[in-house]
Amino acid sequence: MQRIHILGCGKFGYRALEFYAQKREPQNLVLVDSEEENLVLGQQLLSSANVDFSTSSRDAVDYLVTLINDPEALQNDWIIPTVPLHLAFAVLRRLSRRGQLPWTTRPSLPNLFAGERDEIYSSLADFLCPSDCPQPRSHCFHTGKKRDPSLLNLLARLDYRLQHEQCRKLPSLILPSTQIGPGLGGFPLRRLERIISFINNRCPGPLLFSTACRCHGVTNILASQQ
C-alpha cells in the first residue's frame, strides 16, 4: 500500500496535513518531525479527520536515508519535504559521502536568495504566490502570463562554472517536484533513489543539484568524489 511521508510538520507540513485531512479517499500518511509539539498538532488534526497515519520523531535526513534503502517503500511511496533545508541534497550528500561547495559567483537565475547552508533559492515569481496555485503547465496562475521557459528548463541549461575551473561547465541535475495539490509538491521515493544512483555511478566531478517545480527551486553544488 502506498504511503505518503510528510517530512516536517511545522507551518508548511501542517498545510499538507490539512490538504489530506479534507480528502475523501483513504490515505496512509507518515508524519516525521523531531519536534514532539509539531507531531502532536498533526496527530490532533488527522485523528479528527479519521485519516490513517503513523508518526516518527526521527530527524528528517536520517529517516529518509533509511527509507530509501527499503525495497518495499521504493515501489510506491511518496515524499513531501517541508523541512527548512534542501532535504534531497542532504540525503544525496549522506549516501554519496561527498561534500558541498560554496557558490563562487551568483548563478544566472531569476529572483535569487541564499539560504543558510549554501543553497540558492530561485523563482520565476517576484511576488508571494497564492497558496491555492494549481501550477498550470503553460502559464502563471496568478498573472495569467505565459511561462516560457519554465524554471526546470532554466536549471537544466544553467551555465555555471567554478572560478578555479572556468573552462568547465558544471552538469546540472534536477529532481523534479510534482504538483500534488494546490501549493503542495512532492516526489516518489524511487525518483530520488534513481537520481542518486545515477550521480554515484556516472558523475564523479562537481555538479549542480536542484529540487524544483516549474516555478520554484533550490540548488546546491555537490563536491567531487574523493
C-alpha atoms as a PDB file:
ATOM      1  CA  MET A   1       0.000   0.000   0.000  1.00  0.00           C
ATOM      2  CA  GLN A   2       1.264   3.432  -0.886  1.00  0.00           C
ATOM      3  CA  ARG A   3       2.404   5.636   1.976  1.00  0.00           C
ATOM      4  CA  ILE A   4       2.896   9.389   1.854  1.00  0.00           C
ATOM      5  CA  HIS A   5       5.715  10.586   4.094  1.00  0.00           C
ATOM      6  CA  ILE A   6       5.404  14.205   5.236  1.00  0.00           C
ATOM      7  CA  LEU A   7       8.846  15.208   6.473  1.00  0.00           C
ATOM      8  CA  GLY A   8       8.409  18.227   8.674  1.00  0.00           C
ATOM      9  CA  CYS A   9       5.125  19.072  10.403  1.00  0.00           C
ATOM     10  CA  GLY A  10       5.657  22.778  11.025  1.00  0.00           C
ATOM     11  CA  LYS A  11       3.893  25.565   9.125  1.00  0.00           C
ATOM     12  CA  PHE A  12       4.184  24.078   5.622  1.00  0.00           C
ATOM     13  CA  GLY A  13       3.857  20.493   6.783  1.00  0.00           C
ATOM     14  CA  TYR A  14       0.646  21.351   8.612  1.00  0.00           C
ATOM     15  CA  ARG A  15      -0.694  22.817   5.371  1.00  0.00           C
ATOM     16  CA  ALA A  16      -0.048  19.435   3.725  1.00  0.00           C
ATOM     17  CA  LEU A  17      -1.855  17.678   6.575  1.00  0.00           C
ATOM     18  CA  GLU A  18      -4.854  19.967   6.129  1.00  0.00           C
ATOM     19  CA  PHE A  19      -4.939  19.045   2.439  1.00  0.00           C
ATOM     20  CA  TYR A  20      -5.021  15.314   3.174  1.00  0.00           C
ATOM     21  CA  ALA A  21      -7.473  15.725   6.052  1.00  0.00           C
ATOM     22  CA  GLN A  22     -10.009  17.079   3.543  1.00  0.00           C
ATOM     23  CA  LYS A  23      -9.623  14.279   1.001  1.00  0.00           C
ATOM     24  CA  ARG A  24     -12.368  11.661   0.945  1.00  0.00           C
ATOM     25  CA  GLU A  25     -10.408   8.698  -0.371  1.00  0.00           C
ATOM     26  CA  PRO A  26      -8.335   6.652   2.126  1.00  0.00           C
ATOM     27  CA  GLN A  27      -4.857   7.990   2.913  1.00  0.00           C
ATOM     28  CA  ASN A  28      -1.904   6.325   4.613  1.00  0.00           C
ATOM     29  CA  LEU A  29       0.315   9.105   5.952  1.00  0.00           C
ATOM     30  CA  VAL A  30       3.563   9.052   7.899  1.00  0.00           C
ATOM     31  CA  LEU A  31       4.314  12.204   9.886  1.00  0.00           C
ATOM     32  CA  VAL A  32       8.016  12.799  10.526  1.00  0.00           C
ATOM     33  CA  ASP A  33       9.276  15.547  12.830  1.00  0.00           C
ATOM     34  CA  SER A  34      11.899  15.674  15.560  1.00  0.00           C
ATOM     35  CA  GLU A  35       9.791  18.249  17.445  1.00  0.00           C
ATOM     36  CA  GLU A  36       7.168  16.489  19.579  1.00  0.00           C
ATOM     37  CA  GLU A  37       4.918  19.563  19.622  1.00  0.00           C
ATOM     38  CA  ASN A  38       4.613  19.509  15.826  1.00  0.00           C
ATOM     39  CA  LEU A  39       3.721  15.822  15.831  1.00  0.00           C
ATOM     40  CA  VAL A  40       1.042  16.339  18.487  1.00  0.00           C
ATOM     41  CA  LEU A  41      -0.642  19.076  16.445  1.00  0.00           C
ATOM     42  CA  GLY A  42      -0.560  16.883  13.349  1.00  0.00           C
ATOM     43  CA  GLN A  43      -1.974  13.928  15.236  1.00  0.00           C
ATOM     44  CA  GLN A  44      -4.854  16.021  16.550  1.00  0.00           C
ATOM     45  CA  LEU A  45      -5.777  17.220  13.074  1.00  0.00           C
ATOM     46  CA  LEU A  46      -5.664  13.807  11.394  1.00  0.00           C
ATOM     47  CA  SER A  47      -7.392  11.983  14.245  1.00  0.00           C
ATOM     48  CA  SER A  48     -10.359  14.336  13.979  1.00  0.00           C
ATOM     49  CA  ALA A  49     -10.475  13.683  10.214  1.00  0.00           C
ATOM     50  CA  ASN A  50     -10.286   9.881  10.584  1.00  0.00           C
ATOM     51  CA  VAL A  51      -7.147   9.623   8.435  1.00  0.00           C
ATOM     52  CA  ASP A  52      -4.878   6.585   8.812  1.00  0.00           C
ATOM     53  CA  PHE A  53      -1.423   7.706   9.891  1.00  0.00           C
ATOM     54  CA  SER A  54       1.676   6.848  11.859  1.00  0.00           C
ATOM     55  CA  THR A  55       4.395   9.095  13.274  1.00  0.00           C
ATOM     56  CA  SER A  56       8.158   9.162  13.633  1.00  0.00           C
ATOM     57  CA  SER A  57      10.141  11.558  15.830  1.00  0.00           C
ATOM     58  CA  ARG A  58      13.376  10.986  13.902  1.00  0.00           C
ATOM     59  CA  ASP A  59      15.492  13.585  12.140  1.00  0.00           C
ATOM     60  CA  ALA A  60      14.196  14.005   8.581  1.00  0.00           C
ATOM     61  CA  VAL A  61      17.544  13.262   6.894  1.00  0.00           C
ATOM     62  CA  ASP A  62      18.153  10.135   8.987  1.00  0.00           C
ATOM     63  CA  TYR A  63      14.623   8.966   8.295  1.00  0.00           C
ATOM     64  CA  LEU A  64      14.843   9.427   4.531  1.00  0.00           C
ATOM     65  CA  VAL A  65      18.281   7.788   4.292  1.00  0.00           C
ATOM     66  CA  THR A  66      16.826   4.703   5.985  1.00  0.00           C
ATOM     67  CA  LEU A  67      13.661   4.752   3.878  1.00  0.00           C
ATOM     68  CA  ILE A  68      15.492   4.967   0.563  1.00  0.00           C
ATOM     69  CA  ASN A  69      17.102   1.594   1.327  1.00  0.00           C
ATOM     70  CA  ASP A  70      13.717  -0.089   1.832  1.00  0.00           C
ATOM     71  CA  PRO A  71      12.777  -2.029  -1.353  1.00  0.00           C
ATOM     72  CA  GLU A  72       9.088  -2.041  -0.441  1.00  0.00           C
ATOM     73  CA  ALA A  73       8.993   1.729   0.105  1.00  0.00           C
ATOM     74  CA  LEU A  74      10.711   2.282  -3.259  1.00  0.00           C
ATOM     75  CA  GLN A  75       7.772   0.701  -5.077  1.00  0.00           C
ATOM     76  CA  ASN A  76       5.040   3.222  -4.312  1.00  0.00           C
ATOM     77  CA  ASP A  77       5.891   5.636  -1.502  1.00  0.00           C
ATOM     78  CA  TRP A  78       5.916   9.413  -1.940  1.00  0.00           C
ATOM     79  CA  ILE A  79       7.854  12.126  -0.131  1.00  0.00           C
ATOM     80  CA  ILE A  80       6.568  15.597   0.750  1.00  0.00           C
ATOM     81  CA  PRO A  81       9.566  17.607   2.035  1.00  0.00           C
ATOM     82  CA  THR A  82       8.549  20.516   4.258  1.00  0.00           C
ATOM     83  CA  VAL A  83      11.632  20.857   6.452  1.00  0.00           C
ATOM     84  CA  PRO A  84      13.646  24.118   6.243  1.00  0.00           C
ATOM     85  CA  LEU A  85      16.574  22.682   4.281  1.00  0.00           C
ATOM     86  CA  HIS A  86      17.316  21.143   0.874  1.00  0.00           C
ATOM     87  CA  LEU A  87      16.349  17.662   2.061  1.00  0.00           C
ATOM     88  CA  ALA A  88      17.091  15.708  -1.123  1.00  0.00           C
ATOM     89  CA  PHE A  89      20.564  17.247  -1.319  1.00  0.00           C
ATOM     90  CA  ALA A  90      21.271  16.387   2.325  1.00  0.00           C
ATOM     91  CA  VAL A  91      20.335  12.771   1.598  1.00  0.00           C
ATOM     92  CA  LEU A  92      22.460  12.790  -1.578  1.00  0.00           C
ATOM     93  CA  ARG A  93      25.463  14.023   0.404  1.00  0.00           C
ATOM     94  CA  ARG A  94      24.990  11.360   3.043  1.00  0.00           C
ATOM     95  CA  LEU A  95      24.627   8.485   0.575  1.00  0.00           C
ATOM     96  CA  SER A  96      27.384   9.642  -1.793  1.00  0.00           C
ATOM     97  CA  ARG A  97      29.748  10.586   1.058  1.00  0.00           C
ATOM     98  CA  ARG A  98      30.577  13.784  -0.774  1.00  0.00           C
ATOM     99  CA  GLY A  99      30.867  17.334   0.439  1.00  0.00           C
ATOM    100  CA  GLN A 100      29.352  20.516  -0.890  1.00  0.00           C
ATOM    101  CA  LEU A 101      30.962  23.572  -2.427  1.00  0.00           C
ATOM    102  CA  PRO A 102      30.179  27.261  -1.920  1.00  0.00           C
ATOM    103  CA  TRP A 103      28.986  29.458  -4.753  1.00  0.00           C
ATOM    104  CA  THR A 104      31.899  31.448  -6.155  1.00  0.00           C
ATOM    105  CA  THR A 105      29.633  33.722  -8.227  1.00  0.00           C
ATOM    106  CA  ARG A 106      25.897  34.269  -8.429  1.00  0.00           C
ATOM    107  CA  PRO A 107      24.236  31.883 -10.883  1.00  0.00           C
ATOM    108  CA  SER A 108      22.143  33.342 -13.683  1.00  0.00           C
ATOM    109  CA  LEU A 109      18.728  32.512 -12.229  1.00  0.00           C
ATOM    110  CA  PRO A 110      15.697  34.708 -11.515  1.00  0.00           C
ATOM    111  CA  ASN A 111      14.813  36.202  -8.109  1.00  0.00           C
ATOM    112  CA  LEU A 112      17.627  34.598  -6.149  1.00  0.00           C
ATOM    113  CA  PHE A 113      18.132  34.484  -2.431  1.00  0.00           C
ATOM    114  CA  ALA A 114      20.640  32.496  -0.421  1.00  0.00           C
ATOM    115  CA  GLY A 115      19.885  30.057   2.381  1.00  0.00           C
ATOM    116  CA  GLU A 116      21.881  29.238   5.494  1.00  0.00           C
ATOM    117  CA  ARG A 117      23.521  26.095   4.072  1.00  0.00           C
ATOM    118  CA  ASP A 118      24.997  27.416   0.807  1.00  0.00           C
ATOM    119  CA  GLU A 119      21.780  26.682  -1.024  1.00  0.00           C
ATOM    120  CA  ILE A 120      20.372  29.073  -3.615  1.00  0.00           C
ATOM    121  CA  TYR A 121      16.619  29.536  -3.975  1.00  0.00           C
ATOM    122  CA  SER A 122      15.250  30.766  -7.306  1.00  0.00           C
ATOM    123  CA  SER A 123      11.785  31.603  -8.544  1.00  0.00           C
ATOM    124  CA  LEU A 124      10.017  32.834 -11.643  1.00  0.00           C
ATOM    125  CA  ALA A 125       7.799  34.899  -9.345  1.00  0.00           C
ATOM    126  CA  ASP A 126       8.798  38.204  -7.778  1.00  0.00           C
ATOM    127  CA  PHE A 127       5.632  38.120  -5.647  1.00  0.00           C
ATOM    128  CA  LEU A 128       4.130  35.850  -2.992  1.00  0.00           C
ATOM    129  CA  CYS A 129       2.358  33.062  -4.848  1.00  0.00           C
ATOM    130  CA  PRO A 130      -1.234  32.260  -3.812  1.00  0.00           C
ATOM    131  CA  SER A 131      -1.439  29.197  -1.593  1.00  0.00           C
ATOM    132  CA  ASP A 132      -4.061  27.591  -3.855  1.00  0.00           C
ATOM    133  CA  CYS A 133      -1.943  27.742  -7.021  1.00  0.00           C
ATOM    134  CA  PRO A 134      -2.519  24.587  -9.158  1.00  0.00           C
ATOM    135  CA  GLN A 135       0.626  25.317 -11.203  1.00  0.00           C
ATOM    136  CA  PRO A 136      -0.782  25.328 -14.751  1.00  0.00           C
ATOM    137  CA  ARG A 137       1.566  23.848 -17.324  1.00  0.00           C
ATOM    138  CA  SER A 138       1.693  26.769 -19.753  1.00  0.00           C
ATOM    139  CA  HIS A 139       1.146  29.959 -17.750  1.00  0.00           C
ATOM    140  CA  CYS A 140       1.322  31.624 -14.341  1.00  0.00           C
ATOM    141  CA  PHE A 141      -1.828  31.078 -12.297  1.00  0.00           C
ATOM    142  CA  HIS A 142      -1.513  34.492 -10.620  1.00  0.00           C
ATOM    143  CA  THR A 143      -0.654  36.749 -13.566  1.00  0.00           C
ATOM    144  CA  GLY A 144      -2.016  34.724 -16.480  1.00  0.00           C
ATOM    145  CA  LYS A 145       1.233  35.312 -18.370  1.00  0.00           C
ATOM    146  CA  LYS A 146       2.873  32.561 -20.410  1.00  0.00           C
ATOM    147  CA  ARG A 147       5.568  30.626 -18.553  1.00  0.00           C
ATOM    148  CA  ASP A 148       8.384  30.372 -21.083  1.00  0.00           C
ATOM    149  CA  PRO A 149      10.737  28.871 -20.235  1.00  0.00           C
ATOM    150  CA  SER A 150       9.909  27.056 -17.002  1.00  0.00           C
ATOM    151  CA  LEU A 151      12.386  27.113 -14.142  1.00  0.00           C
ATOM    152  CA  LEU A 152      13.071  23.432 -14.820  1.00  0.00           C
ATOM    153  CA  ASN A 153      14.345  24.366 -18.283  1.00  0.00           C
ATOM    154  CA  LEU A 154      16.405  27.266 -16.922  1.00  0.00           C
ATOM    155  CA  LEU A 155      18.066  24.997 -14.373  1.00  0.00           C
ATOM    156  CA  ALA A 156      18.698  22.229 -16.908  1.00  0.00           C
ATOM    157  CA  ARG A 157      20.689  24.521 -19.199  1.00  0.00           C
ATOM    158  CA  LEU A 158      22.253  26.689 -16.490  1.00  0.00           C
ATOM    159  CA  ASP A 159      25.832  27.631 -17.412  1.00  0.00           C
ATOM    160  CA  TYR A 160      27.729  27.761 -14.140  1.00  0.00           C
ATOM    161  CA  ARG A 161      31.485  27.401 -13.685  1.00  0.00           C
ATOM    162  CA  LEU A 162      33.583  27.409 -10.543  1.00  0.00           C
ATOM    163  CA  GLN A 163      36.167  30.187 -10.519  1.00  0.00           C
ATOM    164  CA  HIS A 164      39.072  27.754 -10.402  1.00  0.00           C
ATOM    165  CA  GLU A 165      37.545  25.695 -13.253  1.00  0.00           C
ATOM    166  CA  GLN A 166      36.423  28.427 -15.653  1.00  0.00           C
ATOM    167  CA  CYS A 167      36.640  26.171 -18.668  1.00  0.00           C
ATOM    168  CA  ARG A 168      34.278  23.524 -17.285  1.00  0.00           C
ATOM    169  CA  LYS A 169      30.534  23.962 -17.124  1.00  0.00           C
ATOM    170  CA  LEU A 170      29.074  22.040 -14.188  1.00  0.00           C
ATOM    171  CA  PRO A 171      26.451  19.420 -15.019  1.00  0.00           C
ATOM    172  CA  SER A 172      23.028  20.421 -13.712  1.00  0.00           C
ATOM    173  CA  LEU A 173      20.851  17.592 -12.412  1.00  0.00           C
ATOM    174  CA  ILE A 174      17.293  18.168 -11.238  1.00  0.00           C
ATOM    175  CA  LEU A 175      14.925  16.238  -9.005  1.00  0.00           C
ATOM    176  CA  PRO A 176      11.506  17.361 -10.333  1.00  0.00           C
ATOM    177  CA  SER A 177       8.836  18.105  -7.760  1.00  0.00           C
ATOM    178  CA  THR A 178       5.350  17.029  -8.824  1.00  0.00           C
ATOM    179  CA  GLN A 179       2.246  19.069  -8.023  1.00  0.00           C
ATOM    180  CA  ILE A 180       0.197  17.012  -5.551  1.00  0.00           C
ATOM    181  CA  GLY A 181      -2.285  19.682  -4.558  1.00  0.00           C
ATOM    182  CA  PRO A 182      -2.594  23.480  -4.654  1.00  0.00           C
ATOM    183  CA  GLY A 183       0.690  24.867  -3.356  1.00  0.00           C
ATOM    184  CA  LEU A 184       1.855  21.358  -2.431  1.00  0.00           C
ATOM    185  CA  GLY A 185       4.625  19.379  -4.134  1.00  0.00           C
ATOM    186  CA  GLY A 186       6.493  16.129  -3.636  1.00  0.00           C
ATOM    187  CA  PHE A 187       8.156  13.243  -5.434  1.00  0.00           C
ATOM    188  CA  PRO A 188       8.097   9.442  -5.499  1.00  0.00           C
ATOM    189  CA  LEU A 189      10.860   7.934  -3.398  1.00  0.00           C
ATOM    190  CA  ARG A 190      12.124   5.906  -6.350  1.00  0.00           C
ATOM    191  CA  ARG A 191      12.730   9.137  -8.313  1.00  0.00           C
ATOM    192  CA  LEU A 192      15.195  10.306  -5.669  1.00  0.00           C
ATOM    193  CA  GLU A 193      16.834   6.870  -5.448  1.00  0.00           C
ATOM    194  CA  ARG A 194      17.378   6.731  -9.207  1.00  0.00           C
ATOM    195  CA  ILE A 195      18.966  10.165  -9.497  1.00  0.00           C
ATOM    196  CA  ILE A 196      21.275   9.457  -6.545  1.00  0.00           C
ATOM    197  CA  SER A 197      22.284   6.147  -8.127  1.00  0.00           C
ATOM    198  CA  PHE A 198      22.968   7.912 -11.433  1.00  0.00           C
ATOM    199  CA  ILE A 199      25.145  10.524  -9.724  1.00  0.00           C
ATOM    200  CA  ASN A 200      27.097   7.922  -7.769  1.00  0.00           C
ATOM    201  CA  ASN A 201      27.766   5.821 -10.869  1.00  0.00           C
ATOM    202  CA  ARG A 202      28.132   8.392 -13.636  1.00  0.00           C
ATOM    203  CA  CYS A 203      29.071  11.785 -12.162  1.00  0.00           C
ATOM    204  CA  PRO A 204      32.387  11.768 -10.263  1.00  0.00           C
ATOM    205  CA  GLY A 205      33.031  15.509 -10.614  1.00  0.00           C
ATOM    206  CA  PRO A 206      31.312  18.524  -9.048  1.00  0.00           C
ATOM    207  CA  LEU A 207      27.769  19.223 -10.173  1.00  0.00           C
ATOM    208  CA  LEU A 208      24.697  21.319  -9.539  1.00  0.00           C
ATOM    209  CA  PHE A 209      21.816  19.531  -7.826  1.00  0.00           C
ATOM    210  CA  SER A 210      18.345  21.081  -7.672  1.00  0.00           C
ATOM    211  CA  THR A 211      14.917  20.161  -6.420  1.00  0.00           C
ATOM    212  CA  ALA A 212      12.409  22.196  -8.411  1.00  0.00           C
ATOM    213  CA  CYS A 213       8.961  22.570  -9.884  1.00  0.00           C
ATOM    214  CA  ARG A 214       8.028  24.710 -12.898  1.00  0.00           C
ATOM    215  CA  CYS A 215       8.344  27.968 -10.952  1.00  0.00           C
ATOM    216  CA  HIS A 216      10.454  27.495  -7.806  1.00  0.00           C
ATOM    217  CA  GLY A 217      13.652  25.632  -6.967  1.00  0.00           C
ATOM    218  CA  VAL A 218      16.553  25.175  -4.588  1.00  0.00           C
ATOM    219  CA  THR A 219      20.083  24.380  -5.782  1.00  0.00           C
ATOM    220  CA  ASN A 220      23.351  23.266  -4.166  1.00  0.00           C
ATOM    221  CA  ILE A 221      26.792  22.357  -5.511  1.00  0.00           C
ATOM    222  CA  LEU A 222      27.937  18.804  -4.831  1.00  0.00           C
ATOM    223  CA  ALA A 223      31.685  18.312  -4.490  1.00  0.00           C
ATOM    224  CA  SER A 224      33.752  15.731  -6.395  1.00  0.00           C
ATOM    225  CA  GLN A 225      34.120  12.154  -5.288  1.00  0.00           C
ATOM    226  CA  GLN A 226      37.164  11.647  -3.090  1.00  0.00           C
END
